[in-house]
Amino acid sequence: MRKLSAVAVAMILAIALYFTLFWGLDALRILTSPTYGLDDVWHAQFIFVIGSMLGLGPTGLLKLAAFFGVLKLAVAGICALHIFDRCRAFVGGKANSEVLEGGLILIVLISIASVGPAVSSQNAEMLREGTLQLVLAAIAAGLCLVERKYSRASEDVTPAVSTELAATSRGAPWFSPFR
């Protein structure tokens, strides 16, 4: 059981490192470009499709591209924060995976937004890239659940004292208005 948990932690760290590196570099490419990454039509195809669905003009497309760039940078920061939290947990303490789960939700939303236009335009390469990111996010979320299950199983669970019984005197009837 413990080996499964160590493998799960290693895979979660690897996936977090993937999103930190690739999405962080992509976000920096988007945010440092004068056109916020719209000059790379291949990767900005979903921006153009979403912009056409919303009826955005050139300024709106730039704002939408900057928004997705900031979201990708935030996800990369969240994953980097989780990596540092994991390293701190190796020294002593416990890692908090809820922050990573919030980042995984953002990854799923952005990936779905980029996969939809790829399906409608029949672009197999963009579909493969978005699907890979969706699968990695799903694997990381599943492994977070497995890790949480094993961490709860290893903790000693003490039975909680029932406050309802402790607050009533012996032999007092239990409150039940519908009897």
N, C-alpha and C. Protein backbone atom coordinates (compact mmCIF):
# COMPACT_ATOMS: atom_id res chain seq x y z
N MET A 1 0.82 -1.19 0.00
CA MET A 1 0.00 0.00 0.00
C MET A 1 0.86 1.26 0.00
N ARG A 2 1.95 1.25 0.76
CA ARG A 2 2.80 2.42 0.84
C ARG A 2 3.51 2.69 -0.48
N LYS A 3 3.88 1.62 -1.23
CA LYS A 3 4.55 1.81 -2.51
C LYS A 3 3.62 2.48 -3.51
N LEU A 4 2.34 2.13 -3.49
CA LEU A 4 1.38 2.76 -4.38
C LEU A 4 1.29 4.25 -4.09
N SER A 5 1.34 4.61 -2.83
CA SER A 5 1.27 6.02 -2.47
C SER A 5 2.51 6.76 -2.93
N ALA A 6 3.70 6.14 -2.82
CA ALA A 6 4.94 6.79 -3.27
C ALA A 6 4.94 6.95 -4.78
N VAL A 7 4.43 5.97 -5.50
CA VAL A 7 4.34 6.07 -6.96
C VAL A 7 3.34 7.16 -7.34
N ALA A 8 2.23 7.24 -6.62
CA ALA A 8 1.24 8.27 -6.89
C ALA A 8 1.82 9.66 -6.67
N VAL A 9 2.58 9.84 -5.60
CA VAL A 9 3.21 11.13 -5.33
C VAL A 9 4.21 11.49 -6.43
N ALA A 10 4.98 10.51 -6.88
CA ALA A 10 5.96 10.76 -7.94
C ALA A 10 5.27 11.15 -9.25
N MET A 11 4.17 10.49 -9.58
CA MET A 11 3.46 10.83 -10.81
C MET A 11 2.78 12.19 -10.71
N ILE A 12 2.25 12.52 -9.54
CA ILE A 12 1.65 13.84 -9.35
C ILE A 12 2.72 14.91 -9.51
N LEU A 13 3.88 14.68 -8.94
CA LEU A 13 4.98 15.65 -9.09
C LEU A 13 5.41 15.77 -10.54
N ALA A 14 5.48 14.66 -11.27
CA ALA A 14 5.88 14.71 -12.68
C ALA A 14 4.86 15.49 -13.51
N ILE A 15 3.59 15.28 -13.26
CA ILE A 15 2.55 15.99 -14.01
C ILE A 15 2.57 17.47 -13.64
N ALA A 16 2.77 17.78 -12.37
CA ALA A 16 2.85 19.19 -11.96
C ALA A 16 4.07 19.86 -12.59
N LEU A 17 5.18 19.14 -12.69
CA LEU A 17 6.37 19.67 -13.33
C LEU A 17 6.14 19.90 -14.83
N TYR A 18 5.42 18.99 -15.47
CA TYR A 18 5.08 19.15 -16.89
C TYR A 18 4.30 20.43 -17.11
N PHE A 19 3.24 20.64 -16.33
CA PHE A 19 2.42 21.83 -16.51
C PHE A 19 3.18 23.09 -16.10
N THR A 20 4.05 22.99 -15.11
CA THR A 20 4.84 24.15 -14.73
C THR A 20 5.75 24.58 -15.88
N LEU A 21 6.44 23.63 -16.47
CA LEU A 21 7.39 23.97 -17.53
C LEU A 21 6.69 24.38 -18.83
N PHE A 22 5.83 23.52 -19.34
CA PHE A 22 5.26 23.78 -20.66
C PHE A 22 4.24 24.90 -20.65
N TRP A 23 3.36 24.94 -19.66
CA TRP A 23 2.38 26.01 -19.63
C TRP A 23 3.03 27.32 -19.19
N GLY A 24 4.04 27.25 -18.35
CA GLY A 24 4.76 28.46 -17.95
C GLY A 24 5.50 29.08 -19.14
N LEU A 25 6.18 28.25 -19.93
CA LEU A 25 6.86 28.76 -21.11
C LEU A 25 5.87 29.28 -22.15
N ASP A 26 4.75 28.58 -22.31
CA ASP A 26 3.73 29.04 -23.24
C ASP A 26 3.14 30.37 -22.78
N ALA A 27 2.90 30.50 -21.49
CA ALA A 27 2.36 31.76 -20.97
C ALA A 27 3.36 32.89 -21.14
N LEU A 28 4.63 32.62 -20.91
CA LEU A 28 5.63 33.67 -21.13
C LEU A 28 5.74 34.04 -22.60
N ARG A 29 5.60 33.05 -23.49
CA ARG A 29 5.61 33.34 -24.93
C ARG A 29 4.42 34.21 -25.30
N ILE A 30 3.26 33.91 -24.73
CA ILE A 30 2.06 34.68 -25.03
C ILE A 30 2.18 36.10 -24.47
N LEU A 31 2.61 36.22 -23.23
CA LEU A 31 2.62 37.53 -22.58
C LEU A 31 3.76 38.43 -23.04
N THR A 32 4.82 37.87 -23.58
CA THR A 32 5.92 38.71 -24.07
C THR A 32 5.79 39.06 -25.55
N SER A 33 4.86 38.44 -26.23
CA SER A 33 4.62 38.74 -27.63
C SER A 33 3.85 40.06 -27.74
N PRO A 34 4.16 40.90 -28.73
CA PRO A 34 3.41 42.15 -28.86
C PRO A 34 1.94 41.94 -29.22
N THR A 35 1.63 40.79 -29.80
CA THR A 35 0.23 40.49 -30.15
C THR A 35 -0.35 39.42 -29.24
N TYR A 36 0.25 39.21 -28.10
CA TYR A 36 -0.21 38.23 -27.11
C TYR A 36 -0.39 36.84 -27.69
N GLY A 37 0.54 36.44 -28.55
CA GLY A 37 0.55 35.09 -29.08
C GLY A 37 -0.35 34.87 -30.27
N LEU A 38 -1.04 35.90 -30.75
CA LEU A 38 -1.92 35.71 -31.90
C LEU A 38 -1.14 35.58 -33.21
N ASP A 39 0.14 35.92 -33.20
CA ASP A 39 0.95 35.77 -34.40
C ASP A 39 1.22 34.29 -34.70
N ASP A 40 1.16 33.44 -33.69
CA ASP A 40 1.29 31.99 -33.88
C ASP A 40 -0.12 31.43 -34.06
N VAL A 41 -0.57 31.40 -35.31
CA VAL A 41 -1.96 31.04 -35.61
C VAL A 41 -2.26 29.60 -35.19
N TRP A 42 -1.26 28.74 -35.24
CA TRP A 42 -1.45 27.33 -34.89
C TRP A 42 -1.93 27.18 -33.46
N HIS A 43 -1.26 27.85 -32.51
CA HIS A 43 -1.63 27.71 -31.10
C HIS A 43 -2.76 28.67 -30.69
N ALA A 44 -3.01 29.69 -31.50
CA ALA A 44 -4.04 30.66 -31.15
C ALA A 44 -5.36 30.39 -31.88
N GLN A 45 -5.48 29.24 -32.49
CA GLN A 45 -6.68 28.94 -33.26
C GLN A 45 -7.93 28.98 -32.39
N PHE A 46 -7.83 28.46 -31.17
CA PHE A 46 -9.02 28.45 -30.31
C PHE A 46 -9.39 29.86 -29.87
N ILE A 47 -8.42 30.78 -29.80
CA ILE A 47 -8.72 32.18 -29.47
C ILE A 47 -9.56 32.79 -30.59
N PHE A 48 -9.18 32.52 -31.84
CA PHE A 48 -9.93 33.06 -32.97
C PHE A 48 -11.34 32.50 -33.03
N VAL A 49 -11.49 31.22 -32.74
CA VAL A 49 -12.82 30.60 -32.80
C VAL A 49 -13.70 31.13 -31.67
N ILE A 50 -13.15 31.21 -30.45
CA ILE A 50 -13.93 31.75 -29.33
C ILE A 50 -14.27 33.22 -29.58
N GLY A 51 -13.30 33.96 -30.12
CA GLY A 51 -13.55 35.37 -30.43
C GLY A 51 -14.61 35.55 -31.48
N SER A 52 -14.66 34.67 -32.49
CA SER A 52 -15.71 34.78 -33.50
C SER A 52 -17.07 34.40 -32.93
N MET A 53 -17.09 33.44 -32.00
CA MET A 53 -18.38 33.08 -31.38
C MET A 53 -18.90 34.21 -30.50
N LEU A 54 -17.99 34.94 -29.86
CA LEU A 54 -18.40 36.05 -29.00
C LEU A 54 -18.53 37.36 -29.76
N GLY A 55 -18.13 37.38 -31.03
CA GLY A 55 -18.22 38.59 -31.84
C GLY A 55 -17.20 39.64 -31.44
N LEU A 56 -16.00 39.21 -31.10
CA LEU A 56 -14.97 40.14 -30.66
C LEU A 56 -14.23 40.73 -31.86
N GLY A 57 -13.84 41.99 -31.71
CA GLY A 57 -13.02 42.65 -32.72
C GLY A 57 -11.55 42.42 -32.40
N PRO A 58 -10.66 43.16 -33.07
CA PRO A 58 -9.23 42.98 -32.84
C PRO A 58 -8.79 43.26 -31.40
N THR A 59 -9.33 44.29 -30.79
CA THR A 59 -8.97 44.60 -29.40
C THR A 59 -9.50 43.53 -28.46
N GLY A 60 -10.68 43.05 -28.72
CA GLY A 60 -11.24 41.97 -27.90
C GLY A 60 -10.45 40.69 -28.02
N LEU A 61 -9.95 40.39 -29.22
CA LEU A 61 -9.11 39.20 -29.40
C LEU A 61 -7.81 39.32 -28.62
N LEU A 62 -7.22 40.52 -28.63
CA LEU A 62 -6.00 40.73 -27.85
C LEU A 62 -6.25 40.55 -26.36
N LYS A 63 -7.37 41.07 -25.89
CA LYS A 63 -7.70 40.92 -24.46
C LYS A 63 -7.98 39.46 -24.11
N LEU A 64 -8.65 38.74 -25.00
CA LEU A 64 -8.93 37.32 -24.76
C LEU A 64 -7.64 36.50 -24.75
N ALA A 65 -6.73 36.80 -25.67
CA ALA A 65 -5.45 36.10 -25.70
C ALA A 65 -4.64 36.39 -24.45
N ALA A 66 -4.65 37.64 -23.99
CA ALA A 66 -3.94 38.00 -22.77
C ALA A 66 -4.56 37.29 -21.56
N PHE A 67 -5.88 37.17 -21.56
CA PHE A 67 -6.57 36.48 -20.47
C PHE A 67 -6.14 35.01 -20.40
N PHE A 68 -6.10 34.34 -21.55
CA PHE A 68 -5.67 32.94 -21.55
C PHE A 68 -4.19 32.81 -21.19
N GLY A 69 -3.39 33.79 -21.57
CA GLY A 69 -1.98 33.78 -21.19
C GLY A 69 -1.80 33.91 -19.69
N VAL A 70 -2.59 34.79 -19.07
CA VAL A 70 -2.53 34.95 -17.62
C VAL A 70 -3.04 33.71 -16.91
N LEU A 71 -4.09 33.09 -17.45
CA LEU A 71 -4.59 31.84 -16.85
C LEU A 71 -3.54 30.74 -16.91
N LYS A 72 -2.84 30.63 -18.04
CA LYS A 72 -1.80 29.61 -18.15
C LYS A 72 -0.65 29.90 -17.19
N LEU A 73 -0.31 31.18 -17.03
CA LEU A 73 0.74 31.54 -16.08
C LEU A 73 0.31 31.23 -14.64
N ALA A 74 -0.97 31.46 -14.34
CA ALA A 74 -1.47 31.14 -13.00
C ALA A 74 -1.43 29.64 -12.74
N VAL A 75 -1.79 28.84 -13.74
CA VAL A 75 -1.74 27.38 -13.58
C VAL A 75 -0.30 26.93 -13.37
N ALA A 76 0.63 27.50 -14.14
CA ALA A 76 2.04 27.14 -13.97
C ALA A 76 2.52 27.53 -12.57
N GLY A 77 2.09 28.67 -12.08
CA GLY A 77 2.45 29.08 -10.72
C GLY A 77 1.86 28.17 -9.66
N ILE A 78 0.62 27.76 -9.86
CA ILE A 78 -0.02 26.84 -8.91
C ILE A 78 0.71 25.51 -8.88
N CYS A 79 1.08 25.01 -10.04
CA CYS A 79 1.81 23.73 -10.09
C CYS A 79 3.20 23.87 -9.47
N ALA A 80 3.86 25.00 -9.69
CA ALA A 80 5.18 25.23 -9.07
C ALA A 80 5.04 25.33 -7.55
N LEU A 81 3.98 25.98 -7.09
CA LEU A 81 3.72 26.07 -5.66
C LEU A 81 3.51 24.69 -5.06
N HIS A 82 2.81 23.83 -5.79
CA HIS A 82 2.59 22.46 -5.30
C HIS A 82 3.90 21.68 -5.24
N ILE A 83 4.77 21.89 -6.22
CA ILE A 83 6.07 21.21 -6.21
C ILE A 83 6.88 21.64 -4.99
N PHE A 84 6.89 22.94 -4.70
CA PHE A 84 7.62 23.43 -3.52
C PHE A 84 6.99 22.92 -2.23
N ASP A 85 5.66 22.82 -2.21
CA ASP A 85 4.97 22.29 -1.04
C ASP A 85 5.31 20.82 -0.84
N ARG A 86 5.41 20.06 -1.93
CA ARG A 86 5.80 18.65 -1.85
C ARG A 86 7.22 18.51 -1.32
N CYS A 87 8.13 19.37 -1.81
CA CYS A 87 9.52 19.32 -1.32
C CYS A 87 9.59 19.65 0.16
N ARG A 88 8.75 20.58 0.60
CA ARG A 88 8.68 20.91 2.03
C ARG A 88 8.14 19.73 2.82
N ALA A 89 7.21 18.99 2.23
CA ALA A 89 6.63 17.84 2.91
C ALA A 89 7.62 16.69 3.03
N PHE A 90 8.58 16.61 2.11
CA PHE A 90 9.60 15.57 2.22
C PHE A 90 10.48 15.82 3.44
N VAL A 91 10.73 17.08 3.76
CA VAL A 91 11.56 17.42 4.92
C VAL A 91 10.76 17.18 6.20
N GLY A 92 9.55 17.60 6.22
CA GLY A 92 8.69 17.42 7.38
C GLY A 92 7.40 18.16 7.18
N GLY A 93 6.33 17.59 7.58
CA GLY A 93 5.03 18.22 7.41
C GLY A 93 4.16 17.43 6.45
N LYS A 94 3.12 18.07 5.99
CA LYS A 94 2.17 17.40 5.11
C LYS A 94 1.85 18.33 3.95
N ALA A 95 1.83 17.79 2.75
CA ALA A 95 1.54 18.58 1.55
C ALA A 95 0.03 18.76 1.42
N ASN A 96 -0.36 19.93 0.92
CA ASN A 96 -1.75 20.25 0.71
C ASN A 96 -2.03 20.15 -0.79
N SER A 97 -2.79 19.15 -1.19
CA SER A 97 -3.03 18.94 -2.62
C SER A 97 -4.27 19.66 -3.13
N GLU A 98 -4.97 20.39 -2.27
CA GLU A 98 -6.17 21.08 -2.72
C GLU A 98 -5.85 22.23 -3.66
N VAL A 99 -4.68 22.85 -3.49
CA VAL A 99 -4.27 23.92 -4.39
C VAL A 99 -4.04 23.35 -5.79
N LEU A 100 -3.38 22.20 -5.85
CA LEU A 100 -3.15 21.56 -7.15
C LEU A 100 -4.47 21.16 -7.79
N GLU A 101 -5.41 20.70 -7.01
CA GLU A 101 -6.71 20.32 -7.57
C GLU A 101 -7.43 21.52 -8.17
N GLY A 102 -7.28 22.69 -7.56
CA GLY A 102 -7.83 23.91 -8.16
C GLY A 102 -7.16 24.24 -9.48
N GLY A 103 -5.84 24.04 -9.54
CA GLY A 103 -5.12 24.24 -10.79
C GLY A 103 -5.53 23.23 -11.85
N LEU A 104 -5.81 22.01 -11.43
CA LEU A 104 -6.25 20.98 -12.38
C LEU A 104 -7.62 21.32 -12.97
N ILE A 105 -8.46 21.95 -12.17
CA ILE A 105 -9.76 22.38 -12.70
C ILE A 105 -9.56 23.44 -13.78
N LEU A 106 -8.64 24.37 -13.55
CA LEU A 106 -8.33 25.37 -14.58
C LEU A 106 -7.76 24.72 -15.84
N ILE A 107 -6.92 23.72 -15.65
CA ILE A 107 -6.34 23.01 -16.79
C ILE A 107 -7.44 22.35 -17.62
N VAL A 108 -8.38 21.72 -16.95
CA VAL A 108 -9.48 21.05 -17.66
C VAL A 108 -10.31 22.07 -18.43
N LEU A 109 -10.61 23.21 -17.81
CA LEU A 109 -11.43 24.21 -18.48
C LEU A 109 -10.72 24.80 -19.70
N ILE A 110 -9.44 25.11 -19.56
CA ILE A 110 -8.69 25.66 -20.69
C ILE A 110 -8.52 24.61 -21.79
N SER A 111 -8.29 23.38 -21.41
CA SER A 111 -8.11 22.32 -22.41
C SER A 111 -9.41 22.06 -23.17
N ILE A 112 -10.53 22.09 -22.48
CA ILE A 112 -11.81 21.91 -23.17
C ILE A 112 -12.06 23.07 -24.11
N ALA A 113 -11.69 24.29 -23.68
CA ALA A 113 -11.87 25.45 -24.56
C ALA A 113 -10.99 25.36 -25.80
N SER A 114 -9.85 24.70 -25.69
CA SER A 114 -8.98 24.58 -26.87
C SER A 114 -9.30 23.34 -27.70
N VAL A 115 -9.89 22.32 -27.11
CA VAL A 115 -10.22 21.10 -27.86
C VAL A 115 -11.49 21.29 -28.70
N GLY A 116 -12.42 22.07 -28.20
CA GLY A 116 -13.68 22.28 -28.94
C GLY A 116 -13.47 22.83 -30.33
N PRO A 117 -12.74 23.93 -30.48
CA PRO A 117 -12.49 24.45 -31.83
C PRO A 117 -11.66 23.50 -32.70
N ALA A 118 -10.78 22.71 -32.08
CA ALA A 118 -9.97 21.75 -32.84
C ALA A 118 -10.86 20.66 -33.43
N VAL A 119 -11.89 20.26 -32.71
CA VAL A 119 -12.82 19.26 -33.23
C VAL A 119 -13.64 19.85 -34.37
N SER A 120 -14.12 21.08 -34.19
CA SER A 120 -14.97 21.68 -35.23
C SER A 120 -14.19 21.98 -36.51
N SER A 121 -12.90 22.29 -36.39
CA SER A 121 -12.10 22.55 -37.58
C SER A 121 -11.36 21.31 -38.09
N GLN A 122 -11.57 20.17 -37.45
CA GLN A 122 -10.96 18.89 -37.80
C GLN A 122 -9.44 18.98 -37.83
N ASN A 123 -8.89 19.60 -36.80
CA ASN A 123 -7.44 19.75 -36.65
C ASN A 123 -6.95 18.68 -35.69
N ALA A 124 -6.38 17.63 -36.23
CA ALA A 124 -6.00 16.46 -35.42
C ALA A 124 -4.85 16.76 -34.48
N GLU A 125 -3.90 17.60 -34.89
CA GLU A 125 -2.75 17.90 -34.04
C GLU A 125 -3.16 18.68 -32.79
N MET A 126 -4.00 19.68 -32.96
CA MET A 126 -4.46 20.45 -31.80
C MET A 126 -5.36 19.61 -30.91
N LEU A 127 -6.14 18.72 -31.51
CA LEU A 127 -6.98 17.81 -30.74
C LEU A 127 -6.12 16.87 -29.90
N ARG A 128 -5.04 16.36 -30.47
CA ARG A 128 -4.13 15.48 -29.74
C ARG A 128 -3.48 16.21 -28.58
N GLU A 129 -3.03 17.43 -28.82
CA GLU A 129 -2.38 18.19 -27.76
C GLU A 129 -3.34 18.50 -26.61
N GLY A 130 -4.55 18.93 -26.93
CA GLY A 130 -5.54 19.23 -25.89
C GLY A 130 -6.00 17.99 -25.15
N THR A 131 -6.15 16.88 -25.86
CA THR A 131 -6.57 15.64 -25.23
C THR A 131 -5.50 15.12 -24.29
N LEU A 132 -4.24 15.25 -24.69
CA LEU A 132 -3.14 14.84 -23.82
C LEU A 132 -3.16 15.62 -22.51
N GLN A 133 -3.40 16.90 -22.59
CA GLN A 133 -3.46 17.71 -21.38
C GLN A 133 -4.66 17.35 -20.52
N LEU A 134 -5.79 17.05 -21.15
CA LEU A 134 -6.96 16.59 -20.40
C LEU A 134 -6.69 15.27 -19.69
N VAL A 135 -6.04 14.35 -20.38
CA VAL A 135 -5.74 13.04 -19.78
C VAL A 135 -4.76 13.19 -18.62
N LEU A 136 -3.74 14.02 -18.79
CA LEU A 136 -2.78 14.23 -17.70
C LEU A 136 -3.45 14.86 -16.48
N ALA A 137 -4.35 15.82 -16.72
CA ALA A 137 -5.07 16.43 -15.60
C ALA A 137 -5.97 15.41 -14.91
N ALA A 138 -6.61 14.53 -15.69
CA ALA A 138 -7.47 13.50 -15.10
C ALA A 138 -6.64 12.50 -14.29
N ILE A 139 -5.48 12.12 -14.80
CA ILE A 139 -4.61 11.20 -14.06
C ILE A 139 -4.15 11.83 -12.75
N ALA A 140 -3.75 13.10 -12.81
CA ALA A 140 -3.29 13.78 -11.60
C ALA A 140 -4.42 13.90 -10.58
N ALA A 141 -5.63 14.21 -11.03
CA ALA A 141 -6.76 14.31 -10.10
C ALA A 141 -7.08 12.95 -9.48
N GLY A 142 -7.04 11.91 -10.28
CA GLY A 142 -7.28 10.57 -9.75
C GLY A 142 -6.22 10.16 -8.75
N LEU A 143 -4.96 10.48 -9.03
CA LEU A 143 -3.89 10.14 -8.10
C LEU A 143 -3.98 10.96 -6.81
N CYS A 144 -4.47 12.19 -6.91
CA CYS A 144 -4.69 12.98 -5.69
C CYS A 144 -5.74 12.31 -4.81
N LEU A 145 -6.77 11.74 -5.46
CA LEU A 145 -7.80 11.03 -4.70
C LEU A 145 -7.24 9.77 -4.05
N VAL A 146 -6.41 9.04 -4.79
CA VAL A 146 -5.79 7.83 -4.23
C VAL A 146 -4.89 8.18 -3.05
N GLU A 147 -4.12 9.24 -3.22
CA GLU A 147 -3.22 9.65 -2.14
C GLU A 147 -4.01 10.08 -0.90
N ARG A 148 -5.09 10.81 -1.13
CA ARG A 148 -5.93 11.24 -0.01
C ARG A 148 -6.54 10.05 0.71
N LYS A 149 -6.95 9.04 -0.05
CA LYS A 149 -7.53 7.83 0.55
C LYS A 149 -6.52 7.13 1.43
N TYR A 150 -5.30 6.97 0.93
CA TYR A 150 -4.28 6.27 1.71
C TYR A 150 -3.79 7.10 2.89
N SER A 151 -3.81 8.41 2.78
CA SER A 151 -3.40 9.22 3.93
C SER A 151 -4.47 9.18 5.03
N ARG A 152 -5.75 9.10 4.63
CA ARG A 152 -6.81 8.99 5.64
C ARG A 152 -6.81 7.61 6.29
N ALA A 153 -6.47 6.59 5.52
CA ALA A 153 -6.46 5.24 6.08
C ALA A 153 -5.32 5.07 7.07
N SER A 154 -4.23 5.80 6.87
CA SER A 154 -3.09 5.65 7.77
C SER A 154 -3.25 6.44 9.06
N GLU A 155 -4.11 7.44 9.07
CA GLU A 155 -4.33 8.22 10.28
C GLU A 155 -5.18 7.42 11.26
N ASP A 156 -4.91 7.62 12.53
CA ASP A 156 -5.75 6.98 13.55
C ASP A 156 -7.03 7.79 13.70
N VAL A 157 -8.13 7.11 13.51
CA VAL A 157 -9.42 7.77 13.62
C VAL A 157 -9.99 7.45 14.98
N THR A 158 -10.20 8.48 15.78
CA THR A 158 -10.80 8.30 17.09
C THR A 158 -12.28 8.61 16.97
N PRO A 159 -13.12 7.82 17.60
CA PRO A 159 -14.55 8.09 17.49
C PRO A 159 -14.90 9.39 18.21
N ALA A 160 -15.70 10.19 17.56
CA ALA A 160 -16.10 11.46 18.13
C ALA A 160 -17.21 11.24 19.16
N VAL A 161 -17.21 12.02 20.19
CA VAL A 161 -18.23 11.93 21.22
C VAL A 161 -19.49 12.59 20.67
N SER A 162 -20.57 11.90 20.78
CA SER A 162 -21.83 12.43 20.28
C SER A 162 -22.30 13.53 21.21
N THR A 163 -22.38 14.74 20.70
CA THR A 163 -22.79 15.86 21.53
C THR A 163 -24.27 15.82 21.85
N GLU A 164 -25.06 15.15 20.99
CA GLU A 164 -26.49 15.09 21.28
C GLU A 164 -26.75 14.24 22.52
N LEU A 165 -26.05 13.13 22.65
CA LEU A 165 -26.27 12.27 23.80
C LEU A 165 -25.63 12.87 25.05
N ALA A 166 -24.53 13.57 24.89
CA ALA A 166 -23.87 14.15 26.05
C ALA A 166 -24.65 15.34 26.60
N ALA A 167 -25.43 16.01 25.77
CA ALA A 167 -26.15 17.19 26.22
C ALA A 167 -27.47 16.84 26.91
N THR A 168 -27.98 15.63 26.71
CA THR A 168 -29.25 15.25 27.33
C THR A 168 -28.99 14.41 28.57
N SER A 169 -29.92 14.46 29.47
CA SER A 169 -29.79 13.64 30.68
C SER A 169 -30.21 12.21 30.37
N ARG A 170 -29.84 11.29 31.24
CA ARG A 170 -30.17 9.88 31.06
C ARG A 170 -31.69 9.69 31.05
N GLY A 171 -32.18 8.95 30.08
CA GLY A 171 -33.59 8.61 30.02
C GLY A 171 -34.46 9.67 29.38
N ALA A 172 -33.89 10.80 28.96
CA ALA A 172 -34.68 11.84 28.33
C ALA A 172 -35.06 11.40 26.93
N PRO A 173 -36.28 11.66 26.47
CA PRO A 173 -36.68 11.24 25.12
C PRO A 173 -35.97 12.08 24.05
N TRP A 174 -35.66 11.42 22.99
CA TRP A 174 -35.02 12.10 21.87
C TRP A 174 -36.06 12.95 21.15
N PHE A 175 -35.68 14.13 20.74
CA PHE A 175 -36.60 15.04 20.06
C PHE A 175 -36.95 14.51 18.69
N SER A 176 -38.22 14.26 18.45
CA SER A 176 -38.67 13.83 17.14
C SER A 176 -40.04 14.44 16.89
N PRO A 177 -40.10 15.55 16.18
CA PRO A 177 -41.38 16.24 15.99
C PRO A 177 -42.34 15.53 15.07
N PHE A 178 -41.92 14.57 14.26
CA PHE A 178 -42.81 13.95 13.29
C PHE A 178 -43.30 12.58 13.73
N ARG A 179 -43.18 12.23 14.99
CA ARG A 179 -43.69 10.94 15.45
C ARG A 179 -45.10 11.05 15.87
